[in-house]
Amino acid sequence: MNRPVSDLQLMISGMEPVLNEGFYVYTSVPQGTDTSMVPCIATVREAEGLTLVVPERQALANGWSILFRCAGAGGNQLQRRCRGLS
């Protein structure tokens, strides 16, 4: 079993981030929403609902509102920057 890393510099130096293809979005759904068939990158359970990070096409297919849109790999530099939607 590995020991936990508490040295921030050591932890960061060992990271190997990878950009996923396509666009990803933050969306919020009511507690109890079935998300079992959606490939969630991250979930945060909060009192007001469940916040998800999912592929944009999945959010749109489920009719979920997009709170924030981020691009993955591909496209030009401008397209790769994250941007909020109003």
N, C-alpha and C. Protein backbone atom coordinates (compact mmCIF):
# COMPACT_ATOMS: atom_id res chain seq x y z
N MET A 1 0.84 -1.18 0.00
CA MET A 1 0.00 0.00 0.00
C MET A 1 0.89 1.24 0.00
N ASN A 2 0.55 2.21 -0.84
CA ASN A 2 1.33 3.45 -0.92
C ASN A 2 1.04 4.34 0.26
N ARG A 3 2.05 5.09 0.67
CA ARG A 3 1.87 6.06 1.75
C ARG A 3 1.33 7.36 1.17
N PRO A 4 0.48 8.07 1.90
CA PRO A 4 -0.04 9.35 1.40
C PRO A 4 1.10 10.36 1.20
N VAL A 5 0.95 11.20 0.16
CA VAL A 5 1.94 12.23 -0.13
C VAL A 5 1.47 13.53 0.49
N SER A 6 2.29 14.13 1.34
CA SER A 6 1.91 15.40 1.95
C SER A 6 2.76 16.56 1.43
N ASP A 7 3.80 16.26 0.66
CA ASP A 7 4.66 17.29 0.08
C ASP A 7 4.02 17.76 -1.23
N LEU A 8 3.53 19.00 -1.24
CA LEU A 8 2.82 19.53 -2.41
C LEU A 8 3.68 19.51 -3.67
N GLN A 9 4.93 19.93 -3.57
CA GLN A 9 5.81 19.94 -4.74
C GLN A 9 6.02 18.54 -5.30
N LEU A 10 6.19 17.57 -4.42
CA LEU A 10 6.35 16.18 -4.84
C LEU A 10 5.08 15.68 -5.53
N MET A 11 3.94 16.03 -4.96
CA MET A 11 2.67 15.61 -5.53
C MET A 11 2.47 16.21 -6.93
N ILE A 12 2.73 17.49 -7.07
CA ILE A 12 2.56 18.16 -8.37
C ILE A 12 3.54 17.62 -9.40
N SER A 13 4.78 17.36 -8.97
CA SER A 13 5.79 16.87 -9.93
C SER A 13 5.43 15.49 -10.47
N GLY A 14 4.63 14.73 -9.74
CA GLY A 14 4.25 13.40 -10.18
C GLY A 14 2.97 13.35 -11.00
N MET A 15 2.33 14.51 -11.20
CA MET A 15 1.07 14.54 -11.95
C MET A 15 1.33 14.41 -13.45
N GLU A 16 0.44 13.76 -14.14
CA GLU A 16 0.51 13.62 -15.59
C GLU A 16 -0.86 13.94 -16.19
N PRO A 17 -1.26 15.24 -16.20
CA PRO A 17 -2.59 15.60 -16.70
C PRO A 17 -2.75 15.30 -18.19
N VAL A 18 -3.96 14.93 -18.56
CA VAL A 18 -4.30 14.64 -19.95
C VAL A 18 -5.58 15.39 -20.29
N LEU A 19 -5.59 16.10 -21.41
CA LEU A 19 -6.80 16.78 -21.86
C LEU A 19 -7.67 15.79 -22.61
N ASN A 20 -8.92 15.70 -22.22
CA ASN A 20 -9.88 14.85 -22.92
C ASN A 20 -10.37 15.57 -24.16
N GLU A 21 -10.71 14.82 -25.18
CA GLU A 21 -11.25 15.40 -26.41
C GLU A 21 -12.64 15.97 -26.17
N GLY A 22 -13.00 17.02 -26.89
CA GLY A 22 -14.35 17.56 -26.85
C GLY A 22 -14.57 18.59 -25.76
N PHE A 23 -15.82 19.00 -25.64
CA PHE A 23 -16.20 20.00 -24.66
C PHE A 23 -16.84 19.33 -23.44
N TYR A 24 -16.54 19.86 -22.28
CA TYR A 24 -17.11 19.38 -21.02
C TYR A 24 -17.82 20.54 -20.35
N VAL A 25 -18.86 20.24 -19.58
CA VAL A 25 -19.64 21.28 -18.94
C VAL A 25 -19.90 20.95 -17.48
N TYR A 26 -20.10 21.99 -16.71
CA TYR A 26 -20.63 21.86 -15.35
C TYR A 26 -22.13 22.02 -15.48
N THR A 27 -22.86 21.15 -14.82
CA THR A 27 -24.31 21.23 -14.80
C THR A 27 -24.79 20.82 -13.41
N SER A 28 -25.98 21.21 -13.06
CA SER A 28 -26.53 20.86 -11.76
C SER A 28 -27.88 20.20 -11.96
N VAL A 29 -28.08 19.09 -11.26
CA VAL A 29 -29.34 18.34 -11.36
C VAL A 29 -29.89 18.12 -9.95
N PRO A 30 -31.20 17.91 -9.82
CA PRO A 30 -31.77 17.66 -8.49
C PRO A 30 -31.24 16.36 -7.88
N GLN A 31 -31.17 16.33 -6.55
CA GLN A 31 -30.79 15.10 -5.85
C GLN A 31 -31.71 13.99 -6.32
N GLY A 32 -31.18 12.80 -6.48
CA GLY A 32 -31.98 11.66 -6.89
C GLY A 32 -32.07 11.46 -8.39
N THR A 33 -31.53 12.40 -9.18
CA THR A 33 -31.53 12.24 -10.63
C THR A 33 -30.65 11.04 -11.00
N ASP A 34 -31.16 10.18 -11.88
CA ASP A 34 -30.39 9.01 -12.30
C ASP A 34 -29.31 9.45 -13.28
N THR A 35 -28.07 9.36 -12.85
CA THR A 35 -26.93 9.72 -13.70
C THR A 35 -26.08 8.48 -14.02
N SER A 36 -26.61 7.30 -13.76
CA SER A 36 -25.83 6.07 -13.90
C SER A 36 -25.38 5.80 -15.34
N MET A 37 -26.08 6.31 -16.32
CA MET A 37 -25.72 6.07 -17.71
C MET A 37 -24.90 7.22 -18.32
N VAL A 38 -24.55 8.22 -17.50
CA VAL A 38 -23.81 9.38 -17.98
C VAL A 38 -22.37 9.27 -17.49
N PRO A 39 -21.38 9.42 -18.39
CA PRO A 39 -19.98 9.34 -17.99
C PRO A 39 -19.53 10.61 -17.27
N CYS A 40 -19.77 10.67 -15.97
CA CYS A 40 -19.40 11.85 -15.17
C CYS A 40 -17.89 11.87 -14.92
N ILE A 41 -17.28 13.01 -15.14
CA ILE A 41 -15.87 13.20 -14.82
C ILE A 41 -15.73 13.52 -13.34
N ALA A 42 -16.70 14.28 -12.81
CA ALA A 42 -16.70 14.64 -11.39
C ALA A 42 -18.12 14.88 -10.93
N THR A 43 -18.37 14.62 -9.66
CA THR A 43 -19.67 14.93 -9.05
C THR A 43 -19.43 15.57 -7.70
N VAL A 44 -20.29 16.52 -7.37
CA VAL A 44 -20.24 17.18 -6.06
C VAL A 44 -21.67 17.21 -5.54
N ARG A 45 -21.91 16.52 -4.44
CA ARG A 45 -23.23 16.49 -3.83
C ARG A 45 -23.35 17.68 -2.87
N GLU A 46 -24.34 18.53 -3.12
CA GLU A 46 -24.56 19.72 -2.30
C GLU A 46 -26.01 19.73 -1.83
N ALA A 47 -26.31 20.54 -0.86
CA ALA A 47 -27.67 20.62 -0.32
C ALA A 47 -28.68 20.98 -1.41
N GLU A 48 -28.30 21.85 -2.35
CA GLU A 48 -29.23 22.31 -3.37
C GLU A 48 -29.29 21.41 -4.60
N GLY A 49 -28.46 20.39 -4.68
CA GLY A 49 -28.51 19.48 -5.82
C GLY A 49 -27.18 18.80 -6.04
N LEU A 50 -27.04 18.17 -7.19
CA LEU A 50 -25.83 17.44 -7.55
C LEU A 50 -25.18 18.16 -8.72
N THR A 51 -23.95 18.60 -8.54
CA THR A 51 -23.20 19.25 -9.61
C THR A 51 -22.37 18.18 -10.32
N LEU A 52 -22.43 18.19 -11.64
CA LEU A 52 -21.73 17.20 -12.46
C LEU A 52 -20.80 17.89 -13.44
N VAL A 53 -19.71 17.22 -13.78
CA VAL A 53 -18.88 17.60 -14.92
C VAL A 53 -19.03 16.45 -15.91
N VAL A 54 -19.63 16.76 -17.06
CA VAL A 54 -19.96 15.73 -18.05
C VAL A 54 -19.65 16.23 -19.45
N PRO A 55 -19.53 15.31 -20.42
CA PRO A 55 -19.40 15.76 -21.80
C PRO A 55 -20.62 16.61 -22.18
N GLU A 56 -20.37 17.68 -22.91
CA GLU A 56 -21.45 18.61 -23.27
C GLU A 56 -22.60 17.90 -23.97
N ARG A 57 -22.29 16.97 -24.86
CA ARG A 57 -23.35 16.27 -25.60
C ARG A 57 -24.27 15.50 -24.67
N GLN A 58 -23.74 14.99 -23.55
CA GLN A 58 -24.55 14.26 -22.58
C GLN A 58 -25.50 15.21 -21.84
N ALA A 59 -24.99 16.38 -21.46
CA ALA A 59 -25.84 17.37 -20.79
C ALA A 59 -26.97 17.81 -21.71
N LEU A 60 -26.64 18.09 -22.95
CA LEU A 60 -27.67 18.52 -23.91
C LEU A 60 -28.69 17.42 -24.17
N ALA A 61 -28.22 16.18 -24.30
CA ALA A 61 -29.13 15.06 -24.57
C ALA A 61 -30.10 14.83 -23.42
N ASN A 62 -29.69 15.17 -22.20
CA ASN A 62 -30.54 15.00 -21.02
C ASN A 62 -31.34 16.26 -20.68
N GLY A 63 -31.14 17.33 -21.45
CA GLY A 63 -31.88 18.57 -21.20
C GLY A 63 -31.40 19.32 -19.97
N TRP A 64 -30.15 19.08 -19.55
CA TRP A 64 -29.61 19.76 -18.37
C TRP A 64 -29.03 21.11 -18.76
N SER A 65 -29.23 22.12 -17.92
CA SER A 65 -28.70 23.44 -18.22
C SER A 65 -27.18 23.45 -18.02
N ILE A 66 -26.52 24.21 -18.88
CA ILE A 66 -25.06 24.32 -18.81
C ILE A 66 -24.71 25.53 -17.98
N LEU A 67 -23.98 25.29 -16.88
CA LEU A 67 -23.56 26.37 -16.00
C LEU A 67 -22.21 26.94 -16.40
N PHE A 68 -21.34 26.07 -16.93
CA PHE A 68 -19.98 26.48 -17.29
C PHE A 68 -19.46 25.50 -18.32
N ARG A 69 -18.83 26.01 -19.38
CA ARG A 69 -18.35 25.16 -20.48
C ARG A 69 -16.83 25.24 -20.57
N CYS A 70 -16.18 24.09 -20.67
CA CYS A 70 -14.73 24.02 -20.83
C CYS A 70 -14.41 23.13 -22.02
N ALA A 71 -13.33 23.46 -22.69
CA ALA A 71 -12.91 22.65 -23.83
C ALA A 71 -11.81 21.70 -23.40
N GLY A 72 -11.78 20.55 -24.01
CA GLY A 72 -10.71 19.60 -23.79
C GLY A 72 -9.64 19.79 -24.84
N ALA A 73 -9.00 18.71 -25.25
CA ALA A 73 -7.95 18.76 -26.26
C ALA A 73 -8.55 19.05 -27.63
N GLY A 74 -7.72 19.53 -28.52
CA GLY A 74 -8.16 19.82 -29.88
C GLY A 74 -8.56 21.28 -30.01
N GLY A 75 -8.68 21.73 -31.22
CA GLY A 75 -9.06 23.12 -31.46
C GLY A 75 -7.87 24.05 -31.24
N ASN A 76 -8.09 25.33 -31.48
CA ASN A 76 -7.01 26.28 -31.28
C ASN A 76 -6.93 26.73 -29.83
N GLN A 77 -5.93 27.51 -29.52
CA GLN A 77 -5.68 27.95 -28.14
C GLN A 77 -6.90 28.65 -27.54
N LEU A 78 -7.58 29.46 -28.33
CA LEU A 78 -8.74 30.18 -27.85
C LEU A 78 -9.86 29.21 -27.48
N GLN A 79 -10.05 28.18 -28.28
CA GLN A 79 -11.10 27.21 -28.02
C GLN A 79 -10.80 26.37 -26.78
N ARG A 80 -9.54 26.19 -26.42
CA ARG A 80 -9.18 25.35 -25.29
C ARG A 80 -9.38 26.07 -23.95
N ARG A 81 -9.53 27.39 -23.98
CA ARG A 81 -9.73 28.11 -22.72
C ARG A 81 -11.13 27.86 -22.19
N CYS A 82 -11.24 27.79 -20.88
CA CYS A 82 -12.55 27.64 -20.26
C CYS A 82 -13.26 28.98 -20.27
N ARG A 83 -14.58 28.93 -20.43
CA ARG A 83 -15.34 30.18 -20.41
C ARG A 83 -16.71 29.92 -19.79
N GLY A 84 -17.17 30.87 -19.01
CA GLY A 84 -18.49 30.77 -18.40
C GLY A 84 -19.58 31.17 -19.38
N LEU A 85 -20.75 30.62 -19.20
CA LEU A 85 -21.90 30.98 -20.02
C LEU A 85 -22.91 31.70 -19.16
N SER A 86 -23.61 32.64 -19.74
CA SER A 86 -24.65 33.33 -18.98
C SER A 86 -26.00 32.86 -19.39
